[in-house]
Amino acid sequence: MFRQKQLQPWMDAHALPRTESGMTTEFAKIVAAALQREQFTLLDLGCSGGIDPAWRVFGNRFRALGIDASAYECHRLVGLEQHPHVHYRAAFVRMLPDHPAYRDFVGKPFSTHHPFKRTNAHRTVRLLDETIEGGSSEDKLLFNQWAHTELANEAEPISVEIALAERKWDDVDFIKIDIDNADFEVLTAIADNLAEWKVLGTKLEVNFFGGTTPTEATFHNTDRVMRNKGFTLVGLEPRSYSMSPLPARYVNTVAAQTHTGRVFQADAYYVLDLASDDDRAIAHSMSDEKLAKLAAIFSICNQPDSAAELMILFRDLFSTLLDVEQALDLLAFQTQEDRAEKRAYKDYIKEFEADSPYFYPRREQHLAPAPVRALTLIERLRAAWQAFSQKFGSS
C-alpha cells in the first residue's frame, strides 16, 4: 500500500469541490451572470478526477454529464458531487454497430507504433506492479491503471447519442474526450452531430505517434476531422515522455509526462472561430447568449485575445447582455497575469500602440548603449602622452 503522503497530492487534486483557477474565470463569471435563457452544457468523456472546476463558474446555469469506464471512480464522484445538474455515468463509450462508419473501425487497432512501453513511466509502473496490484482503487488510478478498478460492463457500451438522448439534451456547448484508445473512434461517431448539437468547442487528447491509416487516433486524423467540421485549432498542450534507458524527471507527482523526452500526446483545443470572415455568418445565426458562451470558452481556454475580438466585433449584440468595457478590462487583466500593476483595456491598447518595451522580451537590454571597453595599459599610456604633448608641446 502506498504511503498516504504519496497519494495525497492526487487525492487533493481530484476531490470535489475544487477551487477555481483564478484569473482565467473572471471573464466567464460575468458571462455566467448574464445568462437568462440558456445553460452552459458540458459533456466530459473520461471524467476520472471530476469535472474541471473552471466550468463550474456558470453556477446554477451549468449542467454536465461525465462518463467514465471506471465504475469505482463514477461512484466516488457521485458521492462527492453537490451540484444538482452534474451527473456521472459508468460506461464504455464507443461507436455502435448501427453507425455508418462502424465497419471502418471494427477490428482495427486504436493506434500503432505505440512507444509507451519504452518510457520510464511504464518502467515505474512495472517496478511497482505488486504494490499497485495490492493497493486500493485510488492507488490504481494514481498510476492510470483504471482498467484494474471496478469497471462498467464493456459488453454493453453506449454511444454519445444515446447518452444525450436519455437526458433529452440537444444543445451541448463543450465536449471533452479523453477515454484512452477509442478517442478518435468516438470523435468520428459524433462528428456529423457537432453542428446539430450546436457545439462551440472541444478538448481532445491527440497522439503524436502512430501510422497513417485513417482510423488511427493520431493528431493528423483528428485535425482533419475537426477542420472538416468547421473548427479551428486554437491551443495545443503537449506532453513529453522520456525513454527508460535514460529516465527524465517527472513533471507531476505521478509517473507520467517528463520534463524532457519525445512529444507523446497533447490536449488539443478546437473552437468555432466565428470572428473570421468565412464563418461570421454562423455567428449571426446564434443567440446572443450562445455567442457569449463562445467568448467564455475562449477565455477559459486561455485565449482572452480571441474573446476580446468577439467582444469588439459584436459589441452591439453583447452590450444588451453585459458591460462590454468591464469585460474587455477583465480580458486585458487575464493577458497581463505576469504583471503586478495591470492596465485597463484602453490603457493597455494605448501602451501597445506606443510600442512599449513591455511587449518585447528584455528589450531594454537591446536598446541600451554598448558598454565601454576597458583600455589596456599601453592604450592608457599612449593617451596620456598624447594629452601631455598637446598641452605642453605647442608652448
Protein backbone atom coordinates (compact mmCIF):
# COMPACT_ATOMS: atom_id res chain seq x y z
CA MET A 1 0.00 0.00 0.00
CA PHE A 2 1.29 3.47 -0.83
CA ARG A 3 2.10 5.84 1.98
CA GLN A 4 -0.62 8.46 2.46
CA LYS A 5 1.75 11.31 1.63
CA GLN A 6 2.41 9.75 -1.77
CA LEU A 7 -1.28 9.52 -2.58
CA GLN A 8 -2.38 12.80 -1.03
CA PRO A 9 -1.41 15.12 -3.93
CA TRP A 10 -3.59 13.07 -6.29
CA MET A 11 -6.48 12.99 -3.80
CA ASP A 12 -6.23 16.75 -3.23
CA ALA A 13 -6.27 17.42 -6.95
CA HIS A 14 -9.24 15.14 -7.59
CA ALA A 15 -11.51 15.96 -4.67
CA LEU A 16 -14.77 17.86 -5.12
CA PRO A 17 -15.43 20.68 -4.86
CA ARG A 18 -12.12 22.08 -6.11
CA THR A 19 -11.03 25.70 -6.09
CA GLU A 20 -11.46 27.75 -9.23
CA SER A 21 -8.45 28.55 -11.38
CA GLY A 22 -8.43 32.26 -10.52
CA MET A 23 -7.90 34.90 -13.19
CA THR A 24 -8.94 32.71 -16.12
CA THR A 25 -12.55 32.51 -14.88
CA GLU A 26 -13.16 36.18 -14.06
CA PHE A 27 -14.46 36.99 -17.53
CA ALA A 28 -16.55 33.81 -17.62
CA LYS A 29 -18.20 34.88 -14.35
CA ILE A 30 -19.78 37.94 -15.92
CA VAL A 31 -20.94 35.85 -18.88
CA ALA A 32 -22.47 33.36 -16.45
CA ALA A 33 -24.27 36.17 -14.63
CA ALA A 34 -25.68 37.41 -17.95
CA LEU A 35 -27.28 34.10 -18.94
CA GLN A 36 -31.03 34.26 -18.53
CA ARG A 37 -32.42 31.81 -21.09
CA GLU A 38 -29.66 29.30 -21.74
CA GLN A 39 -27.48 26.92 -19.75
CA PHE A 40 -23.85 26.05 -20.28
CA THR A 41 -23.73 22.33 -21.13
CA LEU A 42 -20.59 20.22 -20.80
CA LEU A 43 -20.07 16.62 -21.91
CA ASP A 44 -17.00 15.07 -20.28
CA LEU A 45 -16.00 11.70 -21.76
CA GLY A 46 -13.34 10.26 -19.49
CA CYS A 47 -14.30 12.18 -16.36
CA SER A 48 -11.93 10.45 -13.94
CA GLY A 49 -10.85 13.04 -11.40
CA GLY A 50 -14.02 15.06 -11.80
CA ILE A 51 -15.25 17.98 -13.87
CA ASP A 52 -12.66 20.69 -14.48
CA PRO A 53 -13.54 23.33 -11.86
CA ALA A 54 -13.23 26.21 -14.35
CA TRP A 55 -16.57 25.22 -15.93
CA ARG A 56 -18.36 25.41 -12.57
CA VAL A 57 -18.15 29.20 -12.78
CA PHE A 58 -21.51 29.03 -14.58
CA GLY A 59 -23.14 28.12 -11.27
CA ASN A 60 -26.85 27.35 -11.47
CA ARG A 61 -26.69 27.81 -15.24
CA PHE A 62 -24.29 24.87 -15.50
CA ARG A 63 -25.13 21.28 -16.34
CA ALA A 64 -22.76 18.45 -17.15
CA LEU A 65 -22.63 14.75 -17.88
CA GLY A 66 -19.46 12.86 -17.08
CA ILE A 67 -18.96 9.34 -18.41
CA ASP A 68 -16.12 7.03 -17.43
CA ALA A 69 -15.32 3.32 -17.80
CA SER A 70 -14.29 3.12 -14.13
CA ALA A 71 -17.44 2.38 -12.16
CA TYR A 72 -15.45 2.88 -8.97
CA GLU A 73 -14.49 6.42 -9.97
CA CYS A 74 -18.03 7.33 -11.02
CA HIS A 75 -19.40 6.09 -7.69
CA ARG A 76 -16.77 8.17 -5.88
CA LEU A 77 -17.64 11.31 -7.86
CA VAL A 78 -21.37 10.85 -7.31
CA GLY A 79 -20.71 10.72 -3.58
CA LEU A 80 -18.77 13.98 -3.70
CA GLU A 81 -20.91 15.92 -6.17
CA GLN A 82 -23.05 18.75 -4.76
CA HIS A 83 -24.31 20.38 -7.94
CA PRO A 84 -27.83 19.14 -8.75
CA HIS A 85 -27.27 19.27 -12.52
CA VAL A 86 -23.92 17.47 -12.71
CA HIS A 87 -24.34 13.78 -13.44
CA TYR A 88 -21.98 10.81 -13.81
CA ARG A 89 -22.45 7.55 -15.62
CA ALA A 90 -20.24 4.46 -15.61
CA ALA A 91 -19.99 3.13 -19.16
CA PHE A 92 -17.66 2.44 -22.04
CA VAL A 93 -18.34 4.97 -24.81
CA ARG A 94 -17.94 3.54 -28.29
CA MET A 95 -19.18 3.72 -31.86
CA LEU A 96 -22.13 1.29 -32.09
CA PRO A 97 -22.72 -1.19 -34.95
CA ASP A 98 -25.55 0.86 -36.48
CA HIS A 99 -23.18 3.74 -37.27
CA PRO A 100 -22.27 4.05 -40.99
CA ALA A 101 -18.53 4.12 -40.20
CA TYR A 102 -18.59 1.12 -37.85
CA ARG A 103 -17.18 -1.28 -40.46
CA ASP A 104 -14.21 1.01 -40.99
CA PHE A 105 -13.22 0.73 -37.33
CA VAL A 106 -14.23 -2.78 -36.26
CA GLY A 107 -11.21 -4.99 -35.73
CA LYS A 108 -8.75 -2.15 -36.35
CA PRO A 109 -6.18 -1.13 -33.71
CA PHE A 110 -6.75 2.19 -31.97
CA SER A 111 -3.12 3.06 -32.67
CA THR A 112 0.13 1.55 -33.94
CA HIS A 113 3.84 2.15 -33.26
CA HIS A 114 2.95 2.91 -29.64
CA PRO A 115 6.16 3.77 -27.72
CA PHE A 116 4.72 3.84 -24.20
CA LYS A 117 6.25 0.52 -23.14
CA ARG A 118 9.68 2.01 -23.79
CA THR A 119 9.15 5.01 -21.45
CA ASN A 120 10.26 5.39 -17.86
CA ALA A 121 6.60 5.96 -16.90
CA HIS A 122 5.87 2.40 -17.98
CA ARG A 123 9.01 1.13 -16.22
CA THR A 124 7.96 2.82 -12.98
CA VAL A 125 4.58 1.11 -13.14
CA ARG A 126 6.22 -2.27 -13.79
CA LEU A 127 8.65 -1.78 -10.88
CA LEU A 128 5.68 -1.09 -8.62
CA ASP A 129 3.44 -3.78 -10.12
CA GLU A 130 2.93 -5.76 -6.92
CA THR A 131 2.40 -2.63 -4.85
CA ILE A 132 -0.16 -1.24 -7.30
CA GLU A 133 -1.97 -4.56 -7.66
CA GLY A 134 -2.31 -4.88 -3.89
CA GLY A 135 -3.27 -1.26 -3.42
CA SER A 136 -6.62 0.46 -3.32
CA SER A 137 -8.55 1.75 -6.32
CA GLU A 138 -7.12 5.20 -5.60
CA ASP A 139 -3.64 3.71 -5.89
CA LYS A 140 -4.50 2.21 -9.26
CA LEU A 141 -5.99 5.44 -10.59
CA LEU A 142 -2.89 7.29 -9.42
CA PHE A 143 -0.88 5.33 -11.99
CA ASN A 144 -3.65 5.41 -14.63
CA GLN A 145 -4.38 1.74 -14.07
CA TRP A 146 -8.12 2.36 -14.30
CA ALA A 147 -8.61 -0.98 -16.05
CA HIS A 148 -7.78 -2.67 -12.73
CA THR A 149 -10.56 -0.89 -10.83
CA GLU A 150 -14.22 -1.87 -10.77
CA LEU A 151 -15.38 -1.32 -14.36
CA ALA A 152 -18.60 -0.80 -16.24
CA ASN A 153 -19.80 -3.62 -18.47
CA GLU A 154 -17.64 -3.43 -21.60
CA ALA A 155 -20.04 -5.76 -23.41
CA GLU A 156 -22.74 -3.08 -23.16
CA PRO A 157 -21.16 0.16 -24.38
CA ILE A 158 -23.17 3.29 -25.07
CA SER A 159 -22.91 5.93 -27.75
CA VAL A 160 -22.82 9.65 -27.13
CA GLU A 161 -26.12 10.00 -28.99
CA ILE A 162 -27.83 7.58 -26.58
CA ALA A 163 -26.32 9.23 -23.51
CA LEU A 164 -27.57 12.66 -24.56
CA ALA A 165 -30.98 11.37 -25.69
CA GLU A 166 -31.51 9.78 -22.28
CA ARG A 167 -31.25 13.25 -20.73
CA LYS A 168 -33.10 14.91 -23.61
CA TRP A 169 -30.14 17.20 -24.24
CA ASP A 170 -29.80 18.51 -27.79
CA ASP A 171 -27.60 21.55 -27.13
CA VAL A 172 -24.01 20.98 -25.95
CA ASP A 173 -21.53 23.82 -25.61
CA PHE A 174 -18.28 21.97 -24.92
CA ILE A 175 -17.12 18.35 -25.28
CA LYS A 176 -14.02 16.82 -23.73
CA ILE A 177 -12.79 13.39 -24.93
CA ASP A 178 -10.03 11.58 -23.04
CA ILE A 179 -11.03 7.92 -22.81
CA ASP A 180 -7.74 6.19 -23.69
CA ASN A 181 -7.64 4.33 -27.01
CA ALA A 182 -11.13 4.84 -28.51
CA ASP A 183 -10.96 8.65 -28.62
CA PHE A 184 -10.83 9.02 -32.39
CA GLU A 185 -13.45 6.33 -32.96
CA VAL A 186 -15.88 8.20 -30.71
CA LEU A 187 -14.99 11.55 -32.30
CA THR A 188 -15.73 10.08 -35.74
CA ALA A 189 -19.04 8.73 -34.42
CA ILE A 190 -20.22 12.20 -33.30
CA ALA A 191 -18.57 14.38 -35.96
CA ASP A 192 -21.74 14.77 -38.00
CA ASN A 193 -23.69 15.74 -34.87
CA LEU A 194 -21.47 18.63 -33.78
CA ALA A 195 -23.41 21.23 -35.76
CA GLU A 196 -26.79 19.74 -34.78
CA TRP A 197 -25.83 19.87 -31.10
CA LYS A 198 -24.55 23.46 -31.55
CA VAL A 199 -21.13 22.53 -30.14
CA LEU A 200 -18.87 25.55 -29.67
CA GLY A 201 -15.62 23.89 -28.63
CA THR A 202 -13.84 20.68 -27.74
CA LYS A 203 -10.83 19.46 -25.79
CA LEU A 204 -9.42 16.31 -27.39
CA GLU A 205 -6.50 14.12 -26.40
CA VAL A 206 -4.38 13.53 -29.50
CA ASN A 207 -1.41 11.24 -30.18
CA PHE A 208 1.80 12.19 -31.95
CA PHE A 209 2.71 8.57 -32.58
CA GLY A 210 1.07 6.03 -34.87
CA GLY A 211 0.71 5.19 -38.52
CA THR A 212 -1.08 6.70 -41.49
CA THR A 213 -4.34 4.74 -41.65
CA PRO A 214 -7.45 6.94 -41.48
CA THR A 215 -8.87 5.20 -38.39
CA GLU A 216 -5.92 5.63 -36.01
CA ALA A 217 -6.11 8.02 -33.09
CA THR A 218 -3.43 10.36 -34.40
CA PHE A 219 -3.25 14.12 -34.34
CA HIS A 220 -3.39 14.44 -38.12
CA ASN A 221 -6.59 12.37 -38.33
CA THR A 222 -8.21 14.36 -35.52
CA ASP A 223 -7.18 17.65 -37.10
CA ARG A 224 -8.59 16.59 -40.47
CA VAL A 225 -11.99 15.70 -38.99
CA MET A 226 -12.28 18.85 -36.88
CA ARG A 227 -11.28 21.19 -39.70
CA ASN A 228 -13.77 19.48 -42.00
CA LYS A 229 -16.46 20.29 -39.42
CA GLY A 230 -15.54 23.96 -39.27
CA PHE A 231 -13.45 24.01 -36.08
CA THR A 232 -10.11 25.76 -35.65
CA LEU A 233 -7.19 24.57 -33.55
CA VAL A 234 -6.59 27.37 -31.02
CA GLY A 235 -4.50 25.64 -28.37
CA LEU A 236 -2.16 22.67 -28.01
CA GLU A 237 -0.74 21.50 -24.68
CA PRO A 238 1.91 18.86 -25.48
CA ARG A 239 3.21 16.22 -23.09
CA SER A 240 6.67 14.66 -23.35
CA TYR A 241 7.71 11.19 -22.22
CA SER A 242 11.33 10.10 -21.91
CA MET A 243 12.66 6.65 -22.78
CA SER A 244 13.52 4.33 -19.89
CA PRO A 245 17.25 3.80 -20.71
CA LEU A 246 17.80 7.40 -19.52
CA PRO A 247 14.81 8.46 -17.38
CA ALA A 248 13.98 12.14 -17.08
CA ARG A 249 12.28 13.76 -14.09
CA TYR A 250 8.50 13.60 -13.92
CA VAL A 251 6.52 16.81 -14.27
CA ASN A 252 3.96 15.92 -11.58
CA THR A 253 3.69 13.63 -8.57
CA VAL A 254 2.65 10.71 -10.77
CA ALA A 255 4.58 8.55 -13.22
CA ALA A 256 3.54 10.18 -16.49
CA GLN A 257 4.93 13.04 -18.57
CA THR A 258 8.51 14.18 -18.08
CA HIS A 259 10.40 17.46 -18.41
CA THR A 260 12.31 16.19 -21.42
CA GLY A 261 11.75 13.44 -23.95
CA ARG A 262 9.82 13.00 -27.15
CA VAL A 263 6.49 14.72 -27.69
CA PHE A 264 3.95 12.00 -26.99
CA GLN A 265 0.42 13.35 -26.64
CA ALA A 266 -1.35 16.66 -26.25
CA ASP A 267 -4.64 18.22 -25.30
CA ALA A 268 -5.91 19.94 -28.44
CA TYR A 269 -8.49 22.71 -28.19
CA TYR A 270 -10.76 23.15 -31.22
CA VAL A 271 -13.21 26.07 -31.19
CA LEU A 272 -15.50 27.74 -33.72
CA ASP A 273 -13.67 30.82 -34.99
CA LEU A 274 -16.71 33.00 -35.64
CA ALA A 275 -14.74 36.22 -35.90
CA SER A 276 -13.24 35.05 -39.18
CA ASP A 277 -14.68 36.39 -42.44
CA ASP A 278 -15.50 32.86 -43.59
CA ASP A 279 -17.62 31.92 -40.55
CA ARG A 280 -19.10 35.22 -39.42
CA ALA A 281 -22.49 34.32 -40.87
CA ILE A 282 -22.71 31.44 -38.39
CA ALA A 283 -22.33 33.91 -35.55
CA HIS A 284 -25.27 35.95 -36.77
CA SER A 285 -27.41 32.79 -36.70
CA MET A 286 -26.69 32.27 -32.98
CA SER A 287 -28.36 33.78 -29.96
CA ASP A 288 -26.54 36.49 -28.05
CA GLU A 289 -26.13 34.14 -25.07
CA LYS A 290 -24.70 31.34 -27.21
CA LEU A 291 -22.15 33.74 -28.66
CA ALA A 292 -21.28 34.98 -25.16
CA LYS A 293 -20.64 31.39 -24.11
CA LEU A 294 -18.20 31.07 -27.00
CA ALA A 295 -16.31 34.10 -25.70
CA ALA A 296 -16.24 32.49 -22.24
CA ILE A 297 -14.84 29.28 -23.72
CA PHE A 298 -12.04 31.24 -25.37
CA SER A 299 -11.18 32.89 -22.07
CA ILE A 300 -11.28 29.67 -20.03
CA CYS A 301 -9.07 28.00 -22.67
CA ASN A 302 -6.55 30.83 -22.16
CA GLN A 303 -7.46 32.66 -25.37
CA PRO A 304 -8.50 36.07 -23.99
CA ASP A 305 -7.44 37.76 -27.24
CA SER A 306 -9.99 35.78 -29.24
CA ALA A 307 -12.66 36.54 -26.64
CA ALA A 308 -11.85 40.25 -26.92
CA GLU A 309 -12.06 40.03 -30.71
CA LEU A 310 -15.61 38.69 -30.39
CA MET A 311 -16.50 41.38 -27.83
CA ILE A 312 -15.40 44.16 -30.17
CA LEU A 313 -16.75 42.67 -33.39
CA PHE A 314 -20.20 42.03 -31.89
CA ARG A 315 -20.18 44.90 -29.38
CA ASP A 316 -23.78 45.93 -30.12
CA LEU A 317 -25.02 42.41 -29.52
CA PHE A 318 -23.04 41.90 -26.32
CA SER A 319 -23.96 45.30 -24.90
CA THR A 320 -27.51 44.05 -24.31
CA LEU A 321 -26.13 41.32 -22.04
CA LEU A 322 -23.21 42.81 -20.13
CA ASP A 323 -20.86 45.75 -19.67
CA VAL A 324 -18.53 45.38 -22.66
CA GLU A 325 -15.91 47.77 -21.25
CA GLN A 326 -15.75 45.80 -18.00
CA ALA A 327 -15.50 42.58 -20.00
CA LEU A 328 -12.60 43.94 -22.05
CA ASP A 329 -10.84 45.09 -18.89
CA LEU A 330 -11.06 41.60 -17.42
CA LEU A 331 -9.69 40.06 -20.60
CA ALA A 332 -6.84 42.57 -20.58
CA PHE A 333 -6.10 41.67 -16.96
CA GLN A 334 -6.00 37.99 -17.92
CA THR A 335 -3.47 38.77 -20.65
CA GLN A 336 -1.29 40.58 -18.08
CA GLU A 337 -1.21 37.82 -15.47
CA ASP A 338 2.55 38.29 -15.09
CA ARG A 339 2.17 41.97 -14.23
CA ALA A 340 1.90 43.43 -10.75
CA GLU A 341 0.06 46.59 -11.87
CA LYS A 342 -2.31 45.62 -14.67
CA ARG A 343 -3.62 48.13 -17.19
CA ALA A 344 -7.29 48.51 -18.11
CA TYR A 345 -8.11 47.60 -21.71
CA LYS A 346 -7.96 51.13 -23.20
CA ASP A 347 -4.70 51.95 -21.42
CA TYR A 348 -3.26 48.60 -22.42
CA ILE A 349 -4.04 49.25 -26.09
CA LYS A 350 -2.51 52.74 -25.88
CA GLU A 351 0.60 51.18 -24.37
CA PHE A 352 0.81 48.72 -27.26
CA GLU A 353 0.31 51.42 -29.88
CA ALA A 354 3.14 53.41 -28.25
CA ASP A 355 5.43 50.40 -28.87
CA SER A 356 6.05 49.88 -25.16
CA PRO A 357 9.06 47.74 -24.16
CA TYR A 358 6.59 45.65 -22.10
CA PHE A 359 5.61 43.77 -25.26
CA TYR A 360 9.17 42.66 -26.01
CA PRO A 361 11.41 40.22 -24.12
CA ARG A 362 14.08 42.25 -22.29
CA ARG A 363 14.01 44.90 -24.99
CA GLU A 364 15.61 47.47 -22.71
CA GLN A 365 18.85 45.48 -22.87
CA HIS A 366 18.83 45.53 -26.67
CA LEU A 367 18.28 49.29 -26.75
CA ALA A 368 20.97 50.10 -24.15
CA PRO A 369 24.30 51.55 -25.44
CA ALA A 370 27.15 49.11 -25.78
CA PRO A 371 29.40 49.01 -22.69
CA VAL A 372 32.70 50.92 -22.97
CA ARG A 373 35.66 48.58 -23.37
CA ALA A 374 38.34 48.89 -20.71
CA LEU A 375 41.60 50.33 -22.09
CA THR A 376 44.82 48.32 -21.94
CA LEU A 377 47.91 49.71 -20.12
CA ILE A 378 49.60 50.59 -23.43
CA GLU A 379 46.49 52.41 -24.62
CA ARG A 380 46.26 54.38 -21.37
CA LEU A 381 49.98 55.42 -21.56
CA ARG A 382 49.63 56.42 -25.23
CA ALA A 383 46.55 58.52 -24.42
CA ALA A 384 48.37 60.21 -21.51
CA TRP A 385 51.40 61.04 -23.69
CA GLN A 386 49.16 62.48 -26.40
CA ALA A 387 47.37 64.65 -23.86
CA PHE A 388 50.75 65.85 -22.39
CA SER A 389 52.12 66.62 -25.87
CA GLN A 390 49.04 68.60 -26.84
CA LYS A 391 49.22 70.66 -23.67
CA PHE A 392 52.97 71.36 -23.42
CA GLY A 393 54.38 70.59 -26.85
CA SER A 394 52.92 73.68 -28.50
CA SER A 395 54.04 76.11 -25.78
